[in-house]
Amino acid sequence: MAMWFIILISLCICYVLSSIFSHFQSSTKLPPGPPSIPIISTFLWLHTSPLQMESYLRTAVAKYGPIVTLRIGSRISIFIADRTIAHNALLQHGALFADRPPVPPLVKILSSNQHSINSAPYGPLWRLFRRNLTSQILHPSRVRSYAPARKWVLDILLKRLLPNSESVSPVCVVEHFQYAMFCLLVLMCFGDKLDEPKIKEVENVQRTMLLNLRRFGLLNLSPKLTKIFLPKRWEEFLQLRRNQERVIIPLIEARRKAKQNRGNRGNREENREGKEEEEEDEDFVLSYVDTLLELHLPEEGNRKVTDGEMVGLCSEFLTGGTDTTSTTMQWIMANLVKHPEIQHKLFEEIQGVMGNGTEEEVKEEDLGKLPYLKAVVLEGLRRHPPGLFLQARGVKEDIEFLNYVIPKNASVNFMAAEMGRGADVWEDPMVFKPERFMGGGAAGFDVTGSKEIKMMPFGAGRRICPGYGLGILHLEYFLANLVWKFEWKGVDGDDVDLSEKVEFTVVMKNPLKANISPRF
């Protein structure tokens, strides 16, 4: 207790002057918001969960309007709850709101001083990283080339589920979904079909870091002081980072050696045959790491990306493609179990395309013939978006926006989940009803919000998630095959609970358990 008292007093002394100055001297043209008590409010927010924050903000929005200011210590946080205002900021004034606010010290460490797509300031470095990802890995032709990898992962998932379908025991689906999606993202990231122990090792260091980040939040307040008073906590955090590097860097190095070997083999073939073509292994898959090994940073002396920076970029790639997809899959399957009539309608649509069990797999070319499947996926993303808020935006200098001042270094946040559940757009917004996307055609629905924001599970504007198309493809492909292969039923006496909790994404508080049985 004495140690915590010393820490509290030290932090208060460190922040009191800046907090008071910010509280009383900031522009009177800030958006309105509730009063706050310097220092005390900071510690209260530290112990507030995102769900509690969202609930509090809904009340604040009802009182103060669609743009609300919260003062958290010396930092000003602005929250936007209105979809029209969000469209104005993110699309019509996209360049102004494309930056990031100052990142916390721990994020700087994990991203190698903001050398990642999510954390990089809006500018040349961010454009370079994002363009590399979108043009190399997420290009439509490249996405199609990963079809065999998706089939490989589907087989892994079905094999894990099959024993449960032959027993009376219900299956807890989330672990199987997470592992399957992680297998796919590991292959796309490192280019190799790793064995299960190695995949589990990578998954373990990633998940351990993600689930513990909130516990280390106190270290962000004042690194100089917390390194003195909380050295063990700092050592714990740094050890998690070292564990990431210990596991991921050898995979990067293996890919570097494989690249060199392919180059040497190509040179030998050229000398022997007099040809300029390089032979490729039949199983060769261009990986994300391959593209990073070729990347140079013009703004930093045209140097190559370091191994530490690649660890951060690979971690970002694995996390962004795994948890969001597996979480959404679980939410959708939970609703299909809770509403068997929706599951039956979806199965009938798939059966109309596939026939009476003669085809074992719903192939990717079949997905375009399944509009109700698309509607189910869109409704899942609307009703259960991966995050309550978009990742915070920032502005490079004080700007005037809708007669308010948005100050430099402020954190600008968008209430994404709330916008997708607005009664002004959606009838019965809390009800899972895929039919709402069928009238105008789910295929024509603009999930990017380019013309109008009705929901934004992937964000919007210049920092929209670059992998949104790949994410929707994965959801459609795996969900179609799960429903085609198995009938999903609830567990007797155990109603499906749609309560939420926040981990890295918004997950089910009580993970889905279901009885599954083969359809054929």
Protein backbone atom coordinates (compact mmCIF):
# COMPACT_ATOMS: atom_id res chain seq x y z
CA MET A 1 0.00 0.00 0.00
CA ALA A 2 2.85 2.37 0.78
CA MET A 3 4.35 1.80 -2.65
CA TRP A 4 1.03 2.52 -4.38
CA PHE A 5 0.62 5.68 -2.30
CA ILE A 6 4.05 6.90 -3.42
CA ILE A 7 3.21 6.14 -7.04
CA LEU A 8 -0.09 7.99 -6.79
CA ILE A 9 1.48 11.08 -5.23
CA SER A 10 4.32 11.12 -7.76
CA LEU A 11 2.00 10.86 -10.72
CA CYS A 12 -0.24 13.56 -9.32
CA ILE A 13 2.68 15.95 -8.93
CA CYS A 14 3.82 15.17 -12.46
CA TYR A 15 0.46 15.82 -14.07
CA VAL A 16 -1.34 18.32 -11.91
CA LEU A 17 0.00 21.51 -13.48
CA SER A 18 -0.47 20.36 -17.08
CA SER A 19 -3.93 18.97 -16.33
CA ILE A 20 -5.13 22.11 -14.62
CA PHE A 21 -3.73 24.25 -17.41
CA SER A 22 -5.48 22.12 -20.01
CA HIS A 23 -8.70 22.12 -18.03
CA PHE A 24 -8.97 25.86 -17.55
CA GLN A 25 -7.01 27.35 -20.46
CA SER A 26 -8.22 25.29 -23.43
CA SER A 27 -10.28 26.94 -26.10
CA THR A 28 -13.87 27.77 -25.21
CA LYS A 29 -14.83 26.60 -28.71
CA LEU A 30 -14.22 22.96 -27.86
CA PRO A 31 -17.28 20.72 -28.28
CA PRO A 32 -19.30 20.59 -25.04
CA GLY A 33 -18.84 17.87 -22.48
CA PRO A 34 -19.17 16.95 -18.82
CA PRO A 35 -16.98 18.66 -16.22
CA SER A 36 -13.93 16.79 -15.00
CA ILE A 37 -11.63 16.95 -12.00
CA PRO A 38 -7.95 17.08 -12.97
CA ILE A 39 -5.95 13.98 -12.00
CA ILE A 40 -8.89 12.24 -10.34
CA SER A 41 -10.71 11.86 -13.67
CA THR A 42 -7.58 10.34 -15.19
CA PHE A 43 -7.48 7.51 -12.65
CA LEU A 44 -11.22 6.96 -12.97
CA TRP A 45 -10.93 6.53 -16.74
CA LEU A 46 -8.01 4.12 -16.31
CA HIS A 47 -10.38 1.75 -14.53
CA THR A 48 -13.29 2.21 -16.92
CA SER A 49 -13.92 -0.56 -19.44
CA PRO A 50 -14.73 0.32 -23.08
CA LEU A 51 -18.29 -0.95 -22.54
CA GLN A 52 -18.72 1.35 -19.55
CA MET A 53 -17.20 4.19 -21.56
CA GLU A 54 -19.67 3.63 -24.41
CA SER A 55 -22.62 3.54 -22.00
CA TYR A 56 -21.43 6.77 -20.35
CA LEU A 57 -20.99 8.43 -23.74
CA ARG A 58 -24.52 7.55 -24.85
CA THR A 59 -25.78 9.47 -21.83
CA ALA A 60 -23.40 12.34 -22.52
CA VAL A 61 -24.47 12.54 -26.17
CA ALA A 62 -28.12 12.74 -25.14
CA LYS A 63 -27.26 15.69 -22.90
CA TYR A 64 -24.55 17.59 -24.80
CA GLY A 65 -25.12 16.70 -28.45
CA PRO A 66 -23.48 14.47 -31.09
CA ILE A 67 -19.93 15.77 -30.45
CA VAL A 68 -18.70 15.41 -26.88
CA THR A 69 -15.43 16.41 -25.24
CA LEU A 70 -13.89 14.45 -22.38
CA ARG A 71 -10.77 15.60 -20.57
CA ILE A 72 -8.63 12.67 -19.53
CA GLY A 73 -5.68 14.14 -17.67
CA SER A 74 -3.95 16.62 -19.95
CA ARG A 75 -5.37 14.93 -23.04
CA ILE A 76 -8.51 16.13 -24.80
CA SER A 77 -10.64 13.34 -26.24
CA ILE A 78 -13.45 14.20 -28.64
CA PHE A 79 -16.16 11.63 -29.43
CA ILE A 80 -18.41 11.80 -32.49
CA ALA A 81 -21.66 9.82 -32.37
CA ASP A 82 -23.50 11.10 -35.44
CA ARG A 83 -23.05 9.28 -38.76
CA THR A 84 -23.52 12.41 -40.88
CA ILE A 85 -20.87 14.29 -38.92
CA ALA A 86 -18.61 11.24 -39.15
CA HIS A 87 -19.02 11.22 -42.94
CA ASN A 88 -18.21 14.93 -43.01
CA ALA A 89 -15.01 14.36 -41.03
CA LEU A 90 -13.77 11.09 -42.51
CA LEU A 91 -14.79 11.46 -46.16
CA GLN A 92 -15.38 15.13 -46.96
CA HIS A 93 -12.43 16.29 -44.83
CA GLY A 94 -10.53 13.01 -44.93
CA ALA A 95 -7.04 14.51 -45.15
CA LEU A 96 -7.60 16.58 -42.00
CA PHE A 97 -8.67 13.57 -39.93
CA ALA A 98 -6.23 11.00 -41.33
CA ASP A 99 -3.51 11.44 -38.73
CA ARG A 100 -3.04 9.72 -35.37
CA PRO A 101 -2.95 11.44 -31.98
CA PRO A 102 0.31 11.11 -30.02
CA VAL A 103 0.72 7.40 -29.38
CA PRO A 104 1.30 5.98 -25.89
CA PRO A 105 4.87 4.93 -25.02
CA LEU A 106 4.02 1.22 -25.06
CA VAL A 107 2.64 1.47 -28.60
CA LYS A 108 5.86 3.19 -29.68
CA ILE A 109 7.83 0.22 -28.39
CA LEU A 110 5.60 -2.38 -30.02
CA SER A 111 5.53 -0.53 -33.36
CA SER A 112 9.27 0.30 -33.40
CA ASN A 113 8.56 4.02 -33.12
CA GLN A 114 5.35 4.00 -35.17
CA HIS A 115 6.66 1.92 -38.07
CA SER A 116 3.36 0.19 -38.73
CA ILE A 117 0.25 0.92 -40.76
CA ASN A 118 -2.00 1.54 -37.77
CA SER A 119 0.36 3.73 -35.78
CA ALA A 120 2.29 5.65 -38.47
CA PRO A 121 1.47 9.35 -38.82
CA TYR A 122 -0.37 10.33 -41.98
CA GLY A 123 2.39 10.87 -44.52
CA PRO A 124 4.98 9.12 -46.73
CA LEU A 125 5.80 6.27 -44.32
CA TRP A 126 2.15 5.38 -43.81
CA ARG A 127 1.50 5.53 -47.56
CA LEU A 128 4.48 3.26 -48.24
CA PHE A 129 3.41 0.57 -45.76
CA ARG A 130 -0.23 0.69 -46.77
CA ARG A 131 0.48 0.67 -50.52
CA ASN A 132 2.81 -2.31 -50.07
CA LEU A 133 0.06 -4.28 -48.32
CA THR A 134 -2.76 -3.34 -50.69
CA SER A 135 -0.83 -3.73 -53.95
CA GLN A 136 1.02 -6.91 -53.03
CA ILE A 137 -1.00 -9.05 -50.60
CA LEU A 138 -4.51 -7.60 -50.92
CA HIS A 139 -4.56 -7.13 -54.70
CA PRO A 140 -7.51 -9.14 -56.13
CA SER A 141 -5.26 -11.41 -58.19
CA ARG A 142 -3.11 -12.15 -55.14
CA VAL A 143 -6.17 -12.80 -52.99
CA ARG A 144 -7.36 -15.35 -55.58
CA SER A 145 -3.97 -17.05 -55.46
CA TYR A 146 -4.53 -17.82 -51.77
CA ALA A 147 -7.60 -19.96 -52.56
CA PRO A 148 -5.68 -23.24 -51.97
CA ALA A 149 -4.60 -21.89 -48.59
CA ARG A 150 -8.22 -21.18 -47.66
CA LYS A 151 -9.20 -24.73 -48.68
CA TRP A 152 -6.34 -26.10 -46.55
CA VAL A 153 -7.57 -24.11 -43.55
CA LEU A 154 -11.20 -25.13 -44.15
CA ASP A 155 -10.11 -28.77 -43.99
CA ILE A 156 -8.29 -28.08 -40.71
CA LEU A 157 -11.41 -26.44 -39.25
CA LEU A 158 -13.77 -29.21 -40.36
CA LYS A 159 -11.46 -31.91 -38.97
CA ARG A 160 -11.42 -30.14 -35.61
CA LEU A 161 -15.21 -29.88 -35.56
CA LEU A 162 -16.01 -33.39 -36.86
CA PRO A 163 -15.32 -35.30 -33.59
CA ASN A 164 -17.80 -33.02 -31.81
CA SER A 165 -20.45 -33.77 -34.43
CA GLU A 166 -20.14 -37.48 -33.64
CA SER A 167 -20.58 -37.05 -29.89
CA VAL A 168 -23.22 -35.65 -27.59
CA SER A 169 -20.84 -33.03 -26.24
CA PRO A 170 -21.41 -29.44 -27.37
CA VAL A 171 -18.57 -27.66 -29.10
CA CYS A 172 -17.13 -24.34 -27.91
CA VAL A 173 -16.50 -22.82 -31.32
CA VAL A 174 -14.35 -19.77 -30.64
CA GLU A 175 -11.07 -21.61 -30.12
CA HIS A 176 -11.53 -23.55 -33.36
CA PHE A 177 -12.40 -20.38 -35.30
CA GLN A 178 -9.41 -18.51 -33.89
CA TYR A 179 -6.98 -21.32 -34.62
CA ALA A 180 -8.24 -21.80 -38.18
CA MET A 181 -8.03 -18.11 -39.04
CA PHE A 182 -4.62 -17.88 -37.41
CA CYS A 183 -3.36 -20.78 -39.57
CA LEU A 184 -4.49 -18.88 -42.66
CA LEU A 185 -2.92 -15.58 -41.63
CA VAL A 186 0.35 -17.27 -40.62
CA LEU A 187 0.57 -18.84 -44.08
CA MET A 188 -0.14 -15.50 -45.76
CA CYS A 189 2.37 -13.77 -43.50
CA PHE A 190 5.29 -16.24 -43.61
CA GLY A 191 4.52 -18.27 -46.75
CA ASP A 192 4.85 -21.71 -45.16
CA LYS A 193 2.44 -24.31 -43.78
CA LEU A 194 3.90 -24.47 -40.30
CA ASP A 195 3.19 -27.45 -38.08
CA GLU A 196 0.67 -27.13 -35.27
CA PRO A 197 3.20 -26.69 -32.38
CA LYS A 198 4.88 -23.79 -34.19
CA ILE A 199 1.54 -22.16 -35.07
CA LYS A 200 0.47 -22.52 -31.44
CA GLU A 201 3.72 -20.94 -30.31
CA VAL A 202 3.20 -17.90 -32.54
CA GLU A 203 -0.45 -17.69 -31.50
CA ASN A 204 0.48 -17.87 -27.82
CA VAL A 205 2.96 -14.96 -27.87
CA GLN A 206 0.52 -12.86 -29.89
CA ARG A 207 -2.50 -13.54 -27.70
CA THR A 208 -0.57 -13.14 -24.46
CA MET A 209 0.55 -9.69 -25.55
CA LEU A 210 -2.92 -8.63 -26.70
CA LEU A 211 -4.75 -9.78 -23.59
CA ASN A 212 -2.22 -8.18 -21.24
CA LEU A 213 -1.88 -4.76 -22.86
CA ARG A 214 -4.63 -3.19 -20.77
CA ARG A 215 -2.90 -4.39 -17.60
CA PHE A 216 0.17 -2.38 -18.55
CA GLY A 217 -1.80 0.82 -19.24
CA LEU A 218 -0.49 2.52 -16.09
CA LEU A 219 3.02 2.48 -17.56
CA ASN A 220 1.91 4.95 -20.25
CA LEU A 221 1.19 7.74 -17.76
CA SER A 222 4.81 8.57 -17.00
CA PRO A 223 7.47 6.11 -18.20
CA LYS A 224 10.22 7.88 -16.27
CA LEU A 225 8.39 7.50 -12.97
CA THR A 226 6.92 4.07 -13.58
CA LYS A 227 10.33 2.70 -14.52
CA ILE A 228 11.45 3.75 -11.04
CA PHE A 229 8.40 2.61 -9.07
CA LEU A 230 7.17 -0.27 -11.23
CA PRO A 231 10.32 -1.93 -12.59
CA LYS A 232 8.85 -5.44 -12.41
CA ARG A 233 5.81 -4.39 -14.42
CA TRP A 234 8.09 -2.86 -17.05
CA GLU A 235 10.19 -6.01 -17.15
CA GLU A 236 7.05 -8.11 -17.64
CA PHE A 237 6.01 -5.98 -20.61
CA LEU A 238 9.47 -5.98 -22.19
CA GLN A 239 9.70 -9.74 -21.74
CA LEU A 240 6.46 -10.17 -23.69
CA ARG A 241 8.00 -8.12 -26.50
CA ARG A 242 11.19 -10.20 -26.38
CA ASN A 243 9.05 -13.35 -26.58
CA GLN A 244 7.45 -12.01 -29.76
CA GLU A 245 10.85 -11.36 -31.29
CA ARG A 246 12.19 -14.76 -30.18
CA VAL A 247 9.37 -16.54 -32.02
CA ILE A 248 8.79 -14.33 -35.07
CA ILE A 249 12.32 -13.28 -36.09
CA PRO A 250 13.42 -16.88 -36.90
CA LEU A 251 10.42 -17.14 -39.25
CA ILE A 252 11.49 -13.91 -40.94
CA GLU A 253 15.06 -15.18 -41.20
CA ALA A 254 13.88 -18.48 -42.71
CA ARG A 255 11.99 -16.54 -45.36
CA ARG A 256 15.06 -14.40 -46.05
CA LYS A 257 17.19 -17.52 -46.60
CA ALA A 258 14.52 -19.10 -48.80
CA LYS A 259 14.45 -15.95 -50.92
CA GLN A 260 18.23 -16.07 -51.32
CA ASN A 261 18.11 -19.74 -52.27
CA ARG A 262 15.48 -19.09 -54.93
CA GLY A 263 17.62 -16.31 -56.32
CA ASN A 264 20.72 -18.51 -56.44
CA ARG A 265 18.78 -21.34 -58.08
CA GLY A 266 17.38 -18.90 -60.64
CA ASN A 267 20.88 -17.66 -61.48
CA ARG A 268 22.12 -21.23 -61.98
CA GLU A 269 19.20 -21.97 -64.28
CA GLU A 270 19.87 -18.80 -66.26
CA ASN A 271 23.54 -19.67 -66.71
CA ARG A 272 22.80 -23.27 -67.69
CA GLU A 273 19.82 -22.69 -69.96
CA GLY A 274 20.55 -19.18 -71.14
CA LYS A 275 17.12 -18.12 -70.00
CA GLU A 276 16.13 -15.17 -67.87
CA GLU A 277 13.29 -16.90 -66.09
CA GLU A 278 13.49 -17.95 -62.48
CA GLU A 279 12.03 -21.29 -61.56
CA GLU A 280 9.64 -21.23 -58.64
CA ASP A 281 8.75 -24.05 -56.30
CA GLU A 282 5.28 -25.41 -57.01
CA ASP A 283 4.27 -24.71 -53.42
CA PHE A 284 5.75 -21.20 -53.36
CA VAL A 285 3.35 -18.59 -51.97
CA LEU A 286 4.25 -14.91 -51.94
CA SER A 287 4.09 -13.91 -48.29
CA TYR A 288 3.77 -10.59 -46.51
CA VAL A 289 7.30 -11.02 -45.18
CA ASP A 290 8.58 -11.42 -48.77
CA THR A 291 7.22 -7.98 -49.62
CA LEU A 292 8.72 -6.44 -46.47
CA LEU A 293 12.15 -7.88 -47.32
CA GLU A 294 12.01 -5.98 -50.62
CA LEU A 295 10.84 -2.72 -49.05
CA HIS A 296 13.06 0.37 -48.69
CA LEU A 297 12.22 3.52 -46.73
CA PRO A 298 13.09 6.54 -48.95
CA GLU A 299 12.44 9.05 -46.16
CA GLU A 300 15.00 7.29 -43.95
CA GLY A 301 18.00 7.07 -46.23
CA ASN A 302 16.43 4.38 -48.41
CA ARG A 303 17.25 1.79 -45.75
CA LYS A 304 15.56 -1.59 -45.48
CA VAL A 305 12.96 -2.49 -42.88
CA THR A 306 14.64 -3.84 -39.73
CA ASP A 307 13.75 -7.17 -38.17
CA GLY A 308 12.23 -5.38 -35.17
CA GLU A 309 10.01 -3.32 -37.45
CA MET A 310 8.99 -6.45 -39.33
CA VAL A 311 7.97 -8.07 -36.04
CA GLY A 312 5.60 -5.14 -35.44
CA LEU A 313 4.24 -5.24 -38.99
CA CYS A 314 3.75 -9.03 -38.90
CA SER A 315 2.07 -8.78 -35.50
CA GLU A 316 -0.27 -6.13 -36.88
CA PHE A 317 -1.05 -8.32 -39.91
CA LEU A 318 -1.76 -11.44 -37.83
CA THR A 319 -3.89 -9.63 -35.27
CA GLY A 320 -5.87 -7.56 -37.75
CA GLY A 321 -6.87 -10.58 -39.82
CA THR A 322 -7.46 -13.14 -37.10
CA ASP A 323 -9.43 -11.76 -34.17
CA THR A 324 -11.77 -9.53 -36.14
CA THR A 325 -12.81 -12.38 -38.47
CA SER A 326 -13.02 -15.16 -35.87
CA THR A 327 -14.97 -12.93 -33.48
CA THR A 328 -17.48 -11.95 -36.17
CA MET A 329 -17.84 -15.61 -37.21
CA GLN A 330 -18.72 -16.55 -33.64
CA TRP A 331 -21.29 -13.75 -33.35
CA ILE A 332 -22.95 -14.77 -36.62
CA MET A 333 -23.02 -18.46 -35.69
CA ALA A 334 -24.49 -17.51 -32.31
CA ASN A 335 -27.34 -15.71 -34.07
CA LEU A 336 -27.87 -18.64 -36.45
CA VAL A 337 -28.17 -20.95 -33.44
CA LYS A 338 -30.46 -18.51 -31.64
CA HIS A 339 -32.60 -18.05 -34.76
CA PRO A 340 -32.81 -21.47 -36.48
CA GLU A 341 -35.22 -20.09 -39.09
CA ILE A 342 -32.42 -17.83 -40.40
CA GLN A 343 -30.01 -20.78 -40.48
CA HIS A 344 -32.57 -22.88 -42.35
CA LYS A 345 -33.16 -20.13 -44.91
CA LEU A 346 -29.42 -19.78 -45.46
CA PHE A 347 -28.97 -23.54 -45.85
CA GLU A 348 -31.78 -23.68 -48.41
CA GLU A 349 -30.12 -20.95 -50.44
CA ILE A 350 -26.79 -22.82 -50.38
CA GLN A 351 -28.57 -26.08 -51.28
CA GLY A 352 -30.20 -24.40 -54.25
CA VAL A 353 -26.74 -23.65 -55.62
CA MET A 354 -24.93 -26.79 -54.51
CA GLY A 355 -27.53 -29.51 -55.06
CA ASN A 356 -28.39 -32.31 -52.64
CA GLY A 357 -25.04 -32.97 -51.05
CA THR A 358 -23.18 -33.97 -54.19
CA GLU A 359 -20.67 -31.15 -53.76
CA GLU A 360 -18.49 -31.32 -50.66
CA GLU A 361 -17.27 -27.71 -50.64
CA VAL A 362 -18.91 -24.35 -51.27
CA LYS A 363 -16.29 -22.91 -53.59
CA GLU A 364 -15.37 -19.26 -53.78
CA GLU A 365 -16.91 -18.92 -57.24
CA ASP A 366 -20.24 -20.01 -55.72
CA LEU A 367 -20.34 -17.14 -53.21
CA GLY A 368 -21.59 -14.64 -55.79
CA LYS A 369 -24.76 -16.72 -56.20
CA LEU A 370 -25.66 -16.46 -52.49
CA PRO A 371 -27.21 -13.03 -51.76
CA TYR A 372 -28.74 -14.14 -48.45
CA LEU A 373 -25.30 -15.26 -47.27
CA LYS A 374 -24.01 -11.77 -48.00
CA ALA A 375 -26.97 -10.32 -46.10
CA VAL A 376 -26.21 -12.53 -43.09
CA VAL A 377 -22.56 -11.42 -43.09
CA LEU A 378 -23.47 -7.74 -43.39
CA GLU A 379 -26.02 -8.03 -40.60
CA GLY A 380 -23.41 -9.71 -38.43
CA LEU A 381 -20.98 -6.84 -39.06
CA ARG A 382 -23.70 -4.26 -38.38
CA ARG A 383 -25.05 -5.80 -35.20
CA HIS A 384 -21.70 -6.99 -33.83
CA PRO A 385 -18.86 -4.85 -35.22
CA PRO A 386 -15.37 -5.88 -34.06
CA GLY A 387 -14.85 -2.66 -32.09
CA LEU A 388 -17.02 -0.15 -30.24
CA PHE A 389 -14.90 2.74 -31.48
CA LEU A 390 -12.67 3.31 -34.47
CA GLN A 391 -8.99 3.63 -33.72
CA ALA A 392 -8.54 7.25 -32.68
CA ARG A 393 -7.75 9.89 -35.30
CA GLY A 394 -5.77 13.07 -34.83
CA VAL A 395 -5.16 16.41 -36.55
CA LYS A 396 -1.75 17.92 -37.32
CA GLU A 397 -2.79 21.42 -36.20
CA ASP A 398 -5.73 23.18 -34.59
CA ILE A 399 -8.64 23.14 -37.03
CA GLU A 400 -12.15 24.56 -37.05
CA PHE A 401 -14.83 21.95 -37.63
CA LEU A 402 -18.59 22.64 -37.46
CA ASN A 403 -17.97 25.84 -35.46
CA TYR A 404 -15.84 23.99 -32.92
CA VAL A 405 -12.08 23.86 -32.51
CA ILE A 406 -10.40 20.47 -32.77
CA PRO A 407 -7.00 21.04 -31.16
CA LYS A 408 -3.71 19.56 -32.24
CA ASN A 409 -2.84 16.43 -30.23
CA ALA A 410 -6.49 15.81 -29.38
CA SER A 411 -7.85 12.31 -29.77
CA VAL A 412 -10.81 12.18 -32.17
CA ASN A 413 -12.96 9.08 -31.67
CA PHE A 414 -15.93 7.73 -33.64
CA MET A 415 -18.63 5.61 -31.98
CA ALA A 416 -18.73 2.98 -34.72
CA ALA A 417 -20.96 0.43 -32.97
CA GLU A 418 -23.51 3.07 -32.03
CA MET A 419 -23.74 4.33 -35.62
CA GLY A 420 -24.53 0.85 -36.90
CA ARG A 421 -27.42 0.57 -34.45
CA GLY A 422 -29.06 3.93 -35.07
CA ALA A 423 -32.86 3.87 -35.08
CA ASP A 424 -32.86 6.70 -37.65
CA VAL A 425 -31.43 4.26 -40.23
CA TRP A 426 -32.31 0.77 -39.05
CA GLU A 427 -35.72 -0.52 -38.02
CA ASP A 428 -35.46 -2.56 -34.80
CA PRO A 429 -31.68 -2.02 -34.78
CA MET A 430 -30.93 -4.50 -31.99
CA VAL A 431 -32.69 -7.36 -33.81
CA PHE A 432 -30.61 -9.69 -36.02
CA LYS A 433 -32.50 -9.44 -39.31
CA PRO A 434 -30.51 -10.16 -42.51
CA GLU A 435 -33.62 -9.41 -44.62
CA ARG A 436 -32.96 -5.70 -44.11
CA PHE A 437 -30.12 -6.04 -46.66
CA MET A 438 -32.15 -7.93 -49.23
CA GLY A 439 -34.39 -5.19 -50.62
CA GLY A 440 -31.75 -3.15 -52.38
CA GLY A 441 -29.38 -6.07 -52.72
CA ALA A 442 -26.63 -6.91 -50.25
CA ALA A 443 -24.11 -6.99 -53.09
CA GLY A 444 -24.72 -3.30 -53.74
CA PHE A 445 -24.44 -2.17 -50.12
CA ASP A 446 -21.53 0.23 -49.60
CA VAL A 447 -19.75 -1.02 -46.47
CA THR A 448 -17.05 1.64 -46.96
CA GLY A 449 -19.48 4.51 -46.35
CA SER A 450 -18.14 6.47 -49.32
CA LYS A 451 -21.51 8.08 -50.09
CA GLU A 452 -23.25 7.69 -46.75
CA ILE A 453 -22.29 6.08 -43.48
CA LYS A 454 -24.93 3.66 -42.24
CA MET A 455 -22.45 1.46 -40.42
CA MET A 456 -18.67 1.25 -40.44
CA PRO A 457 -17.31 -2.00 -39.02
CA PHE A 458 -14.09 -1.46 -40.99
CA GLY A 459 -13.88 2.29 -40.46
CA ALA A 460 -14.16 4.83 -43.25
CA GLY A 461 -12.08 7.36 -45.13
CA ARG A 462 -8.37 7.23 -45.76
CA ARG A 463 -7.61 4.98 -42.81
CA ILE A 464 -10.33 2.45 -43.54
CA CYS A 465 -9.14 -1.10 -42.85
CA PRO A 466 -7.28 -2.07 -46.05
CA GLY A 467 -8.30 -5.71 -45.65
CA TYR A 468 -12.06 -5.21 -45.51
CA GLY A 469 -12.63 -7.05 -48.81
CA LEU A 470 -10.51 -10.00 -47.70
CA GLY A 471 -12.32 -10.07 -44.36
CA ILE A 472 -15.74 -10.28 -46.03
CA LEU A 473 -14.48 -13.03 -48.36
CA HIS A 474 -13.24 -15.08 -45.40
CA LEU A 475 -16.51 -14.65 -43.53
CA GLU A 476 -18.62 -15.68 -46.52
CA TYR A 477 -16.43 -18.65 -47.47
CA PHE A 478 -16.08 -20.21 -44.03
CA LEU A 479 -19.65 -19.51 -42.88
CA ALA A 480 -21.12 -20.96 -46.06
CA ASN A 481 -19.17 -24.18 -45.57
CA LEU A 482 -19.95 -24.42 -41.86
CA VAL A 483 -23.68 -24.19 -42.55
CA TRP A 484 -23.42 -26.51 -45.58
CA LYS A 485 -21.56 -29.20 -43.62
CA PHE A 486 -23.30 -29.05 -40.23
CA GLU A 487 -26.61 -28.26 -38.63
CA TRP A 488 -26.07 -26.03 -35.62
CA LYS A 489 -28.38 -26.26 -32.60
CA GLY A 490 -28.46 -24.74 -29.16
CA VAL A 491 -27.66 -26.69 -26.01
CA ASP A 492 -30.77 -27.71 -24.07
CA GLY A 493 -31.27 -25.47 -21.07
CA ASP A 494 -28.50 -23.09 -22.18
CA ASP A 495 -29.90 -20.17 -24.12
CA VAL A 496 -27.49 -18.30 -26.38
CA ASP A 497 -26.28 -15.25 -24.46
CA LEU A 498 -25.43 -12.23 -26.63
CA SER A 499 -23.84 -10.26 -23.78
CA GLU A 500 -20.59 -8.53 -24.70
CA LYS A 501 -17.17 -8.04 -23.18
CA VAL A 502 -14.09 -6.36 -24.61
CA GLU A 503 -10.79 -8.11 -25.17
CA PHE A 504 -8.88 -7.05 -28.28
CA THR A 505 -12.26 -7.04 -30.04
CA VAL A 506 -15.81 -7.10 -28.68
CA VAL A 507 -16.37 -10.78 -27.93
CA MET A 508 -19.15 -12.88 -26.44
CA LYS A 509 -19.11 -12.67 -22.65
CA ASN A 510 -20.15 -16.33 -22.59
CA PRO A 511 -18.61 -18.03 -25.64
CA LEU A 512 -20.96 -19.91 -27.93
CA LYS A 513 -21.53 -23.61 -27.26
CA ALA A 514 -23.54 -25.56 -29.81
CA ASN A 515 -24.49 -29.08 -30.79
CA ILE A 516 -23.52 -29.82 -34.37
CA SER A 517 -24.50 -32.71 -36.61
CA PRO A 518 -23.45 -33.56 -40.19
CA ARG A 519 -26.08 -32.71 -42.79
CA PHE A 520 -25.11 -35.52 -45.17
